[in-house]
Protein backbone atom coordinates (compact mmCIF):
# COMPACT_ATOMS: atom_id res chain seq x y z
CA MET A 1 7.62 17.69 -21.34
CA ILE A 2 4.55 16.41 -19.51
CA PRO A 3 3.03 18.94 -17.06
CA ILE A 4 3.22 17.92 -13.41
CA GLN A 5 -0.56 18.17 -13.06
CA HIS A 6 -1.06 15.41 -15.63
CA LEU A 7 1.53 13.29 -13.89
CA LEU A 8 -0.15 13.79 -10.50
CA ILE A 9 -3.56 12.89 -11.91
CA PHE A 10 -2.13 9.74 -13.49
CA THR A 11 -0.31 8.64 -10.34
CA SER A 12 -3.32 9.42 -8.17
CA LEU A 13 -5.51 7.24 -10.36
CA LEU A 14 -2.86 4.51 -10.35
CA PHE A 15 -2.52 4.68 -6.56
CA LEU A 16 -6.27 4.67 -6.02
CA THR A 17 -6.63 1.69 -8.37
CA GLY A 18 -4.07 -0.19 -6.29
CA LEU A 19 -5.76 0.86 -3.05
CA TYR A 20 -9.15 -0.25 -4.34
CA GLY A 21 -7.67 -3.58 -5.38
CA ALA A 22 -5.99 -4.08 -2.02
CA VAL A 23 -9.17 -3.33 -0.09
CA THR A 24 -11.68 -5.26 -2.20
CA ARG A 25 -9.75 -8.37 -3.23
CA ARG A 26 -10.17 -11.67 -1.44
CA ASN A 27 -7.19 -13.33 -3.08
CA MET A 28 -3.88 -12.76 -1.27
CA VAL A 29 -1.87 -12.71 -4.50
CA GLY A 30 -4.18 -10.03 -5.90
CA ILE A 31 -3.62 -7.95 -2.78
CA LEU A 32 0.15 -8.23 -3.22
CA ILE A 33 -0.16 -7.13 -6.86
CA SER A 34 -2.28 -4.15 -5.79
CA ILE A 35 0.39 -3.11 -3.29
CA GLU A 36 2.99 -3.31 -6.07
CA ILE A 37 0.81 -1.01 -8.21
CA MET A 38 0.67 1.50 -5.36
CA LEU A 39 4.46 1.43 -4.98
CA ASN A 40 4.87 2.01 -8.72
CA ALA A 41 2.69 5.11 -8.44
CA VAL A 42 5.01 6.39 -5.71
CA ASN A 43 8.03 5.74 -7.95
CA ILE A 44 6.51 7.76 -10.78
CA ASN A 45 5.88 10.61 -8.33
CA PHE A 46 9.52 10.52 -7.21
CA ILE A 47 10.75 10.89 -10.77
CA GLY A 48 8.16 13.54 -11.63
CA PHE A 49 8.99 15.71 -8.64
CA SER A 50 12.70 15.38 -9.30
CA ARG A 51 12.12 16.90 -12.73
CA ILE A 52 10.50 20.07 -11.34
CA SER A 53 12.57 20.52 -8.18
CA ASP A 54 16.23 21.34 -7.76
CA VAL A 55 17.00 17.80 -6.61
CA SER A 56 19.34 16.01 -8.98
CA ALA A 57 18.00 13.15 -11.06
CA GLU A 58 20.49 10.75 -9.47
CA VAL A 59 19.04 11.29 -6.00
CA ALA A 60 15.53 10.53 -7.24
CA GLN A 61 16.79 7.45 -9.06
CA VAL A 62 18.45 6.20 -5.88
CA PHE A 63 15.16 6.56 -4.02
CA VAL A 64 13.29 4.80 -6.81
CA ILE A 65 15.79 1.92 -6.84
CA PHE A 66 15.44 1.68 -3.06
CA VAL A 67 11.64 1.46 -3.37
CA ILE A 68 11.96 -1.17 -6.12
CA VAL A 69 14.28 -3.26 -3.93
CA LEU A 70 11.89 -2.84 -1.01
CA ALA A 71 8.96 -3.90 -3.22
CA ALA A 72 10.84 -6.97 -4.43
CA ALA A 73 11.69 -7.99 -0.88
CA THR A 74 8.09 -7.42 0.20
CA ALA A 75 6.82 -9.51 -2.70
CA ALA A 76 9.23 -12.34 -1.90
CA VAL A 77 8.27 -12.42 1.78
CA GLY A 78 4.59 -12.01 0.97
CA LEU A 79 4.62 -14.86 -1.54
CA ALA A 80 6.47 -17.06 0.96
CA ILE A 81 3.77 -16.35 3.55
CA VAL A 82 1.03 -17.05 0.99
CA LEU A 83 2.66 -20.37 0.07
CA ALA A 84 2.97 -21.36 3.74
CA ILE A 85 -0.67 -20.51 4.36
CA TYR A 86 -1.71 -22.40 1.24
CA ARG A 87 0.16 -25.50 2.35
CA ASN A 88 -1.60 -25.47 5.73
CA GLN A 89 -5.05 -24.13 4.87
CA LYS A 90 -5.39 -25.14 1.17
CA THR A 91 -6.76 -21.69 0.33
CA VAL A 92 -5.46 -18.25 -0.63
CA TYR A 93 -8.64 -16.33 0.17
CA THR A 94 -8.31 -13.91 3.05
CA ASP A 95 -11.78 -14.49 4.48
CA GLU A 96 -11.17 -18.25 4.78
CA VAL A 97 -7.84 -18.01 6.60
CA ASP A 98 -8.29 -18.15 10.35
CA LEU A 99 -4.82 -18.92 11.72
CA LEU A 100 -5.04 -16.47 14.62
CA LYS A 101 -8.54 -17.46 15.72
CA TRP A 102 -9.07 -19.99 18.52
């Protein structure tokens, strides 16, 4: 069995990688992928903490499935917004999109 410290280090690095990607990317699709990486780190934490606590594995799996469904819905809505912006602005770079500016 993997010690929880190793799991926490791995998920912290995974989350920080996603956070770095979300903050530094200019491409909207890359930002969405980085957010998905962050949510996957949270899912791994859910499963890891269910192994060491007295919570049943089924409860953790329900939370993980809920987060996966939430991530899929977020990705679908995010990609729809990106496509709508691309059709109007002809770009997917965040610094070139100025829809809310006068």
